[in-house]
Amino acid sequence: MVCVDTDPGPVIPASDAAVFYETLEDGRPFPAAFHVGQELAGYRKLLELAGSVEHIVPGHDVAVMERYPEVLDGIAWRVDLPPIR
């Protein structure tokens, strides 16, 4: 895991540690989790490091494109800025 310091606070690109916002926010493991206990422990560690879900960027969630400002027409979003929603 990498924690990046930004002006609004730390940002963690979670990659496969948190696939979707929904599973992270609801505290539910990803349906294909190999070891549920380890996955939930990973969620707790992400939240401990980031301070809140809004500083975590899930690895495969299209909601990232709705939550962060777009900077390059459908190609890039600024996850180092505060979420817009």
Protein backbone atom coordinates (compact mmCIF):
# COMPACT_ATOMS: atom_id res chain seq x y z
CA MET A 1 0.00 0.00 0.00
CA VAL A 2 1.12 3.52 -0.79
CA CYS A 3 -0.03 6.61 1.09
CA VAL A 4 0.48 9.86 -0.84
CA ASP A 5 0.54 13.19 1.02
CA THR A 6 -1.58 15.83 -0.75
CA ASP A 7 -2.88 19.26 0.28
CA PRO A 8 -6.33 17.98 1.32
CA GLY A 9 -4.77 15.04 3.18
CA PRO A 10 -3.41 11.57 2.51
CA VAL A 11 -4.63 9.66 -0.55
CA ILE A 12 -4.30 5.91 -0.82
CA PRO A 13 -4.59 4.33 -4.27
CA ALA A 14 -6.03 1.10 -2.92
CA SER A 15 -5.73 -1.00 -6.08
CA ASP A 16 -7.03 -4.47 -5.18
CA ALA A 17 -7.01 -3.82 -1.41
CA ALA A 18 -10.41 -2.12 -1.90
CA VAL A 19 -12.00 -2.82 -5.26
CA PHE A 20 -15.21 -0.75 -4.87
CA TYR A 21 -16.36 2.09 -2.60
CA GLU A 22 -19.50 0.10 -1.77
CA THR A 23 -17.65 -2.81 -0.17
CA LEU A 24 -15.33 -0.47 1.74
CA GLU A 25 -18.10 1.86 2.99
CA ASP A 26 -20.41 -0.98 4.00
CA GLY A 27 -17.62 -3.08 5.52
CA ARG A 28 -18.55 -6.01 3.32
CA PRO A 29 -15.86 -8.14 1.72
CA PHE A 30 -15.57 -8.36 -2.04
CA PRO A 31 -17.61 -11.43 -3.14
CA ALA A 32 -14.52 -13.22 -4.45
CA ALA A 33 -12.43 -12.64 -1.30
CA PHE A 34 -10.16 -15.58 -0.53
CA HIS A 35 -9.91 -14.84 3.19
CA VAL A 36 -12.73 -12.65 4.51
CA GLY A 37 -11.01 -11.86 7.82
CA GLN A 38 -7.86 -10.64 6.09
CA GLU A 39 -9.87 -8.54 3.66
CA LEU A 40 -11.79 -6.84 6.47
CA ALA A 41 -8.51 -6.26 8.35
CA GLY A 42 -7.19 -4.63 5.17
CA TYR A 43 -10.20 -2.29 5.07
CA ARG A 44 -9.54 -1.30 8.70
CA LYS A 45 -5.87 -0.61 7.88
CA LEU A 46 -6.84 1.51 4.86
CA LEU A 47 -9.22 3.58 7.01
CA GLU A 48 -6.61 3.91 9.76
CA LEU A 49 -4.01 5.23 7.30
CA ALA A 50 -6.36 7.46 5.30
CA GLY A 51 -8.55 8.77 8.09
CA SER A 52 -11.72 8.44 6.00
CA VAL A 53 -13.13 6.71 2.92
CA GLU A 54 -12.89 9.96 0.98
CA HIS A 55 -9.08 9.63 0.99
CA ILE A 56 -9.11 6.10 -0.45
CA VAL A 57 -9.26 5.46 -4.20
CA PRO A 58 -10.58 1.95 -4.94
CA GLY A 59 -8.85 0.11 -7.72
CA HIS A 60 -11.77 -0.77 -9.99
CA ASP A 61 -14.68 1.53 -9.15
CA VAL A 62 -16.07 3.76 -11.91
CA ALA A 63 -17.47 5.95 -9.10
CA VAL A 64 -13.96 7.45 -8.88
CA MET A 65 -14.86 9.28 -12.09
CA GLU A 66 -17.93 10.77 -10.40
CA ARG A 67 -16.24 11.68 -7.12
CA TYR A 68 -13.12 13.46 -8.36
CA PRO A 69 -12.57 16.36 -10.77
CA GLU A 70 -11.94 15.34 -14.36
CA VAL A 71 -8.87 16.94 -15.95
CA LEU A 72 -8.55 15.17 -19.28
CA ASP A 73 -11.77 14.42 -21.17
CA GLY A 74 -12.70 10.95 -19.95
CA ILE A 75 -9.09 9.89 -19.41
CA ALA A 76 -7.79 11.37 -16.14
CA TRP A 77 -9.13 12.54 -12.77
CA ARG A 78 -7.40 14.50 -9.99
CA VAL A 79 -7.54 12.22 -6.97
CA ASP A 80 -5.13 14.52 -5.14
CA LEU A 81 -7.92 17.12 -4.87
CA PRO A 82 -10.92 16.92 -2.53
CA PRO A 83 -13.80 14.82 -3.85
CA ILE A 84 -16.52 16.82 -5.59
CA ARG A 85 -19.25 14.57 -4.24
